[in-house]
Amino acid sequence: MATTKQKQAARRNLEKARAARSARAHGRHVSRSTQGLSTAEENRLEDSEFAFSEQRKEPLTDANHVRNAIARFDQVEGVTDAERDRAWKRITAAARQYDIEVSEHDWRQLFQGGKAHKR
């Protein structure tokens, strides 16, 4: 269930996306904030380049993807605690590689204090 804050953020994102789409339709150049990975690029990645390698979820190819993997860690469904342990090790290793500070020492801390809810 989304919180009020999440719903407001989603509405703002939709408004920005609609404005950008309209501007592009009227011939103005509006840069994209990120290119992301295309499906073909994602398919070429090795399993080891994903936080959840067995399911090929949460790629860890750059700093933005590592931050996203941390932020969405609690949203990954259908994985065991052992798989989460392995994924957290991959994420923290990638965070060190890209010089990202991770304040949590264990993925279970993401589920404490109202930051996320374990499903």
N, C-alpha and C. Protein backbone atom coordinates (compact mmCIF):
# COMPACT_ATOMS: atom_id res chain seq x y z
N MET A 1 0.84 -1.17 0.00
CA MET A 1 0.00 0.00 0.00
C MET A 1 0.90 1.24 0.00
N ALA A 2 0.64 2.14 -0.86
CA ALA A 2 1.47 3.34 -0.98
C ALA A 2 1.05 4.37 0.08
N THR A 3 2.04 5.08 0.56
CA THR A 3 1.78 6.14 1.54
C THR A 3 1.35 7.41 0.81
N THR A 4 0.84 8.36 1.56
CA THR A 4 0.43 9.65 0.98
C THR A 4 1.61 10.34 0.32
N LYS A 5 2.76 10.28 0.97
CA LYS A 5 3.97 10.92 0.42
C LYS A 5 4.36 10.28 -0.92
N GLN A 6 4.27 8.94 -0.99
CA GLN A 6 4.61 8.24 -2.23
C GLN A 6 3.63 8.59 -3.35
N LYS A 7 2.34 8.71 -2.98
CA LYS A 7 1.33 9.06 -3.98
C LYS A 7 1.57 10.47 -4.52
N GLN A 8 1.93 11.41 -3.63
CA GLN A 8 2.21 12.77 -4.07
C GLN A 8 3.41 12.81 -4.99
N ALA A 9 4.45 12.05 -4.64
CA ALA A 9 5.64 12.00 -5.49
C ALA A 9 5.31 11.40 -6.85
N ALA A 10 4.48 10.37 -6.87
CA ALA A 10 4.09 9.75 -8.13
C ALA A 10 3.30 10.74 -8.99
N ARG A 11 2.41 11.51 -8.38
CA ARG A 11 1.66 12.50 -9.13
C ARG A 11 2.57 13.57 -9.75
N ARG A 12 3.57 14.02 -8.94
CA ARG A 12 4.53 15.01 -9.47
C ARG A 12 5.32 14.42 -10.63
N ASN A 13 5.73 13.17 -10.50
CA ASN A 13 6.48 12.53 -11.58
C ASN A 13 5.63 12.42 -12.85
N LEU A 14 4.36 12.09 -12.69
CA LEU A 14 3.48 12.00 -13.85
C LEU A 14 3.31 13.37 -14.52
N GLU A 15 3.15 14.41 -13.72
CA GLU A 15 3.02 15.76 -14.28
C GLU A 15 4.28 16.15 -15.06
N LYS A 16 5.45 15.85 -14.50
CA LYS A 16 6.70 16.16 -15.20
C LYS A 16 6.81 15.37 -16.49
N ALA A 17 6.44 14.10 -16.46
CA ALA A 17 6.52 13.26 -17.65
C ALA A 17 5.58 13.76 -18.73
N ARG A 18 4.37 14.14 -18.34
CA ARG A 18 3.41 14.66 -19.32
C ARG A 18 3.89 15.97 -19.93
N ALA A 19 4.47 16.84 -19.10
CA ALA A 19 5.00 18.11 -19.61
C ALA A 19 6.14 17.88 -20.58
N ALA A 20 7.02 16.94 -20.24
CA ALA A 20 8.14 16.64 -21.14
C ALA A 20 7.65 16.04 -22.44
N ARG A 21 6.67 15.14 -22.38
CA ARG A 21 6.13 14.52 -23.58
C ARG A 21 5.46 15.58 -24.47
N SER A 22 4.74 16.49 -23.86
CA SER A 22 4.09 17.56 -24.61
C SER A 22 5.13 18.46 -25.29
N ALA A 23 6.18 18.79 -24.55
CA ALA A 23 7.24 19.65 -25.11
C ALA A 23 7.90 18.95 -26.30
N ARG A 24 8.18 17.66 -26.17
CA ARG A 24 8.78 16.93 -27.28
C ARG A 24 7.84 16.89 -28.48
N ALA A 25 6.54 16.72 -28.22
CA ALA A 25 5.56 16.68 -29.30
C ALA A 25 5.48 18.01 -30.04
N HIS A 26 5.81 19.10 -29.35
CA HIS A 26 5.80 20.41 -29.97
C HIS A 26 7.16 20.82 -30.51
N GLY A 27 8.06 19.84 -30.65
CA GLY A 27 9.34 20.09 -31.30
C GLY A 27 10.46 20.61 -30.42
N ARG A 28 10.23 20.76 -29.14
CA ARG A 28 11.30 21.22 -28.26
C ARG A 28 12.15 20.05 -27.81
N HIS A 29 13.43 20.32 -27.62
CA HIS A 29 14.34 19.29 -27.14
C HIS A 29 14.29 19.28 -25.61
N VAL A 30 13.91 18.15 -25.07
CA VAL A 30 13.88 17.96 -23.62
C VAL A 30 14.77 16.76 -23.34
N SER A 31 15.86 17.01 -22.61
CA SER A 31 16.79 15.91 -22.34
C SER A 31 16.18 14.92 -21.36
N ARG A 32 16.61 13.71 -21.49
CA ARG A 32 16.17 12.67 -20.59
C ARG A 32 17.16 12.61 -19.43
N SER A 33 16.66 12.41 -18.22
CA SER A 33 17.54 12.43 -17.06
C SER A 33 18.44 11.21 -17.03
N THR A 34 17.98 10.10 -17.55
CA THR A 34 18.81 8.90 -17.58
C THR A 34 18.40 8.05 -18.77
N GLN A 35 19.35 7.40 -19.34
CA GLN A 35 19.05 6.51 -20.45
C GLN A 35 18.66 5.13 -19.94
N GLY A 36 19.21 4.74 -18.78
CA GLY A 36 18.91 3.42 -18.26
C GLY A 36 19.49 2.34 -19.15
N LEU A 37 19.07 1.14 -18.91
CA LEU A 37 19.52 0.02 -19.73
C LEU A 37 18.40 -0.40 -20.67
N SER A 38 18.75 -0.62 -21.92
CA SER A 38 17.76 -1.16 -22.83
C SER A 38 17.59 -2.64 -22.52
N THR A 39 16.55 -3.23 -23.03
CA THR A 39 16.33 -4.66 -22.81
C THR A 39 17.48 -5.46 -23.37
N ALA A 40 17.98 -5.07 -24.53
CA ALA A 40 19.10 -5.79 -25.14
C ALA A 40 20.35 -5.69 -24.27
N GLU A 41 20.61 -4.50 -23.74
CA GLU A 41 21.77 -4.32 -22.86
C GLU A 41 21.62 -5.16 -21.60
N GLU A 42 20.43 -5.17 -21.04
CA GLU A 42 20.19 -5.95 -19.83
C GLU A 42 20.36 -7.45 -20.11
N ASN A 43 19.91 -7.90 -21.28
CA ASN A 43 20.04 -9.31 -21.63
C ASN A 43 21.50 -9.72 -21.81
N ARG A 44 22.37 -8.77 -22.18
CA ARG A 44 23.79 -9.09 -22.37
C ARG A 44 24.57 -9.15 -21.07
N LEU A 45 23.98 -8.66 -19.97
CA LEU A 45 24.69 -8.67 -18.69
C LEU A 45 24.84 -10.08 -18.16
N GLU A 46 25.95 -10.31 -17.47
CA GLU A 46 26.17 -11.58 -16.79
C GLU A 46 25.27 -11.66 -15.58
N ASP A 47 24.93 -12.87 -15.16
CA ASP A 47 24.10 -13.03 -13.95
C ASP A 47 24.74 -12.38 -12.74
N SER A 48 26.06 -12.40 -12.68
CA SER A 48 26.78 -11.86 -11.53
C SER A 48 26.68 -10.33 -11.44
N GLU A 49 26.17 -9.68 -12.48
CA GLU A 49 26.04 -8.23 -12.48
C GLU A 49 24.69 -7.77 -11.92
N PHE A 50 23.92 -8.71 -11.38
CA PHE A 50 22.64 -8.41 -10.76
C PHE A 50 22.73 -8.68 -9.27
N ALA A 51 22.00 -7.91 -8.47
CA ALA A 51 21.96 -8.16 -7.04
C ALA A 51 21.35 -9.53 -6.77
N PHE A 52 20.23 -9.81 -7.40
CA PHE A 52 19.57 -11.11 -7.29
C PHE A 52 19.88 -11.85 -8.58
N SER A 53 21.00 -12.56 -8.60
CA SER A 53 21.50 -13.13 -9.85
C SER A 53 20.61 -14.23 -10.40
N GLU A 54 20.01 -15.05 -9.53
CA GLU A 54 19.17 -16.15 -10.02
C GLU A 54 17.94 -15.62 -10.76
N GLN A 55 17.37 -14.53 -10.28
CA GLN A 55 16.19 -13.94 -10.89
C GLN A 55 16.53 -12.82 -11.87
N ARG A 56 17.81 -12.44 -11.95
CA ARG A 56 18.28 -11.35 -12.79
C ARG A 56 17.51 -10.06 -12.47
N LYS A 57 17.44 -9.76 -11.17
CA LYS A 57 16.76 -8.55 -10.70
C LYS A 57 17.77 -7.58 -10.13
N GLU A 58 17.55 -6.29 -10.33
CA GLU A 58 18.36 -5.21 -9.79
C GLU A 58 19.80 -5.24 -10.32
N PRO A 59 20.01 -4.74 -11.55
CA PRO A 59 21.38 -4.68 -12.09
C PRO A 59 22.25 -3.72 -11.27
N LEU A 60 23.54 -4.02 -11.22
CA LEU A 60 24.50 -3.23 -10.43
C LEU A 60 25.60 -2.70 -11.34
N THR A 61 25.21 -2.08 -12.44
CA THR A 61 26.18 -1.67 -13.46
C THR A 61 26.78 -0.29 -13.25
N ASP A 62 26.14 0.55 -12.43
CA ASP A 62 26.68 1.88 -12.15
C ASP A 62 26.12 2.37 -10.82
N ALA A 63 26.56 3.54 -10.40
CA ALA A 63 26.18 4.07 -9.08
C ALA A 63 24.67 4.26 -8.97
N ASN A 64 24.04 4.74 -10.03
CA ASN A 64 22.58 4.94 -9.98
C ASN A 64 21.83 3.64 -9.78
N HIS A 65 22.27 2.59 -10.47
CA HIS A 65 21.62 1.29 -10.31
C HIS A 65 21.85 0.72 -8.91
N VAL A 66 23.02 0.96 -8.34
CA VAL A 66 23.28 0.47 -6.98
C VAL A 66 22.37 1.18 -5.99
N ARG A 67 22.25 2.49 -6.12
CA ARG A 67 21.35 3.24 -5.23
C ARG A 67 19.91 2.76 -5.38
N ASN A 68 19.51 2.49 -6.61
CA ASN A 68 18.16 2.01 -6.88
C ASN A 68 17.95 0.62 -6.27
N ALA A 69 18.95 -0.24 -6.35
CA ALA A 69 18.84 -1.58 -5.76
C ALA A 69 18.65 -1.50 -4.26
N ILE A 70 19.34 -0.57 -3.62
CA ILE A 70 19.18 -0.40 -2.17
C ILE A 70 17.78 0.12 -1.86
N ALA A 71 17.35 1.11 -2.62
CA ALA A 71 16.04 1.73 -2.37
C ALA A 71 14.89 0.75 -2.60
N ARG A 72 15.05 -0.15 -3.53
CA ARG A 72 13.97 -1.07 -3.88
C ARG A 72 14.17 -2.48 -3.31
N PHE A 73 15.13 -2.63 -2.44
CA PHE A 73 15.46 -3.96 -1.91
C PHE A 73 14.24 -4.65 -1.30
N ASP A 74 13.43 -3.90 -0.59
CA ASP A 74 12.26 -4.49 0.08
C ASP A 74 11.13 -4.82 -0.89
N GLN A 75 11.21 -4.36 -2.12
CA GLN A 75 10.14 -4.59 -3.09
C GLN A 75 10.34 -5.87 -3.90
N VAL A 76 11.51 -6.49 -3.78
CA VAL A 76 11.78 -7.72 -4.53
C VAL A 76 11.00 -8.85 -3.89
N GLU A 77 10.19 -9.51 -4.70
CA GLU A 77 9.34 -10.59 -4.20
C GLU A 77 9.83 -11.94 -4.68
N GLY A 78 9.44 -12.96 -3.95
CA GLY A 78 9.74 -14.33 -4.37
C GLY A 78 11.19 -14.74 -4.14
N VAL A 79 11.86 -14.16 -3.14
CA VAL A 79 13.23 -14.55 -2.83
C VAL A 79 13.31 -14.95 -1.35
N THR A 80 14.25 -15.83 -1.06
CA THR A 80 14.44 -16.29 0.31
C THR A 80 15.38 -15.35 1.05
N ASP A 81 15.46 -15.54 2.36
CA ASP A 81 16.39 -14.75 3.16
C ASP A 81 17.83 -15.03 2.75
N ALA A 82 18.12 -16.26 2.38
CA ALA A 82 19.48 -16.60 1.93
C ALA A 82 19.82 -15.86 0.64
N GLU A 83 18.86 -15.76 -0.27
CA GLU A 83 19.08 -15.01 -1.51
C GLU A 83 19.24 -13.53 -1.21
N ARG A 84 18.50 -13.02 -0.23
CA ARG A 84 18.66 -11.62 0.17
C ARG A 84 20.05 -11.39 0.77
N ASP A 85 20.55 -12.36 1.55
CA ASP A 85 21.90 -12.23 2.10
C ASP A 85 22.94 -12.12 0.99
N ARG A 86 22.83 -13.00 0.00
CA ARG A 86 23.78 -12.96 -1.12
C ARG A 86 23.65 -11.66 -1.92
N ALA A 87 22.41 -11.21 -2.14
CA ALA A 87 22.19 -9.97 -2.88
C ALA A 87 22.76 -8.78 -2.12
N TRP A 88 22.59 -8.76 -0.80
CA TRP A 88 23.10 -7.65 0.00
C TRP A 88 24.63 -7.58 -0.09
N LYS A 89 25.29 -8.75 -0.11
CA LYS A 89 26.75 -8.77 -0.26
C LYS A 89 27.15 -8.18 -1.60
N ARG A 90 26.43 -8.53 -2.65
CA ARG A 90 26.73 -7.98 -3.98
C ARG A 90 26.50 -6.46 -4.01
N ILE A 91 25.42 -6.02 -3.38
CA ILE A 91 25.10 -4.59 -3.37
C ILE A 91 26.16 -3.81 -2.61
N THR A 92 26.56 -4.30 -1.42
CA THR A 92 27.55 -3.56 -0.64
C THR A 92 28.91 -3.55 -1.34
N ALA A 93 29.25 -4.63 -2.02
CA ALA A 93 30.50 -4.66 -2.79
C ALA A 93 30.45 -3.64 -3.93
N ALA A 94 29.32 -3.58 -4.62
CA ALA A 94 29.16 -2.61 -5.71
C ALA A 94 29.16 -1.18 -5.15
N ALA A 95 28.56 -0.99 -3.98
CA ALA A 95 28.54 0.34 -3.37
C ALA A 95 29.97 0.79 -3.05
N ARG A 96 30.79 -0.11 -2.55
CA ARG A 96 32.20 0.24 -2.29
C ARG A 96 32.91 0.59 -3.60
N GLN A 97 32.63 -0.18 -4.65
CA GLN A 97 33.26 0.06 -5.95
C GLN A 97 32.91 1.44 -6.49
N TYR A 98 31.67 1.86 -6.32
CA TYR A 98 31.22 3.16 -6.83
C TYR A 98 31.25 4.25 -5.78
N ASP A 99 31.88 3.97 -4.64
CA ASP A 99 32.07 4.95 -3.56
C ASP A 99 30.73 5.51 -3.05
N ILE A 100 29.80 4.58 -2.78
CA ILE A 100 28.49 4.93 -2.24
C ILE A 100 28.48 4.52 -0.78
N GLU A 101 28.08 5.47 0.09
CA GLU A 101 28.01 5.17 1.52
C GLU A 101 26.68 4.48 1.82
N VAL A 102 26.77 3.33 2.46
CA VAL A 102 25.58 2.58 2.87
C VAL A 102 25.55 2.58 4.39
N SER A 103 24.53 3.19 4.97
CA SER A 103 24.48 3.31 6.43
C SER A 103 24.05 2.02 7.10
N GLU A 104 23.29 1.17 6.42
CA GLU A 104 22.86 -0.10 7.00
C GLU A 104 23.96 -1.14 6.83
N HIS A 105 24.17 -1.93 7.89
CA HIS A 105 25.19 -2.98 7.82
C HIS A 105 24.58 -4.31 7.40
N ASP A 106 23.26 -4.42 7.50
CA ASP A 106 22.57 -5.65 7.16
C ASP A 106 21.26 -5.28 6.49
N TRP A 107 20.82 -6.08 5.54
CA TRP A 107 19.58 -5.75 4.82
C TRP A 107 18.38 -5.73 5.74
N ARG A 108 18.43 -6.45 6.84
CA ARG A 108 17.30 -6.48 7.77
C ARG A 108 17.05 -5.10 8.40
N GLN A 109 18.08 -4.27 8.44
CA GLN A 109 17.91 -2.92 8.97
C GLN A 109 17.01 -2.07 8.07
N LEU A 110 16.90 -2.42 6.81
CA LEU A 110 16.01 -1.69 5.90
C LEU A 110 14.55 -1.87 6.32
N PHE A 111 14.27 -2.96 7.02
CA PHE A 111 12.90 -3.28 7.41
C PHE A 111 12.57 -2.78 8.82
N GLN A 112 13.51 -2.11 9.48
CA GLN A 112 13.29 -1.62 10.84
C GLN A 112 13.01 -0.13 10.83
N GLY A 113 12.30 0.32 11.82
CA GLY A 113 12.09 1.76 12.01
C GLY A 113 11.22 2.42 10.97
N GLY A 114 10.36 1.66 10.33
CA GLY A 114 9.42 2.27 9.39
C GLY A 114 9.99 2.57 8.02
N LYS A 115 11.26 2.20 7.74
CA LYS A 115 11.84 2.47 6.43
C LYS A 115 11.18 1.60 5.37
N ALA A 116 10.87 0.38 5.73
CA ALA A 116 10.25 -0.55 4.81
C ALA A 116 9.50 -1.59 5.63
N HIS A 117 8.69 -2.35 4.97
CA HIS A 117 7.94 -3.38 5.66
C HIS A 117 8.24 -4.72 5.00
N LYS A 118 8.63 -5.70 5.81
CA LYS A 118 8.92 -7.02 5.28
C LYS A 118 7.63 -7.67 4.84
N ARG A 119 7.64 -8.22 3.66
CA ARG A 119 6.42 -8.84 3.12
C ARG A 119 6.42 -10.32 3.36
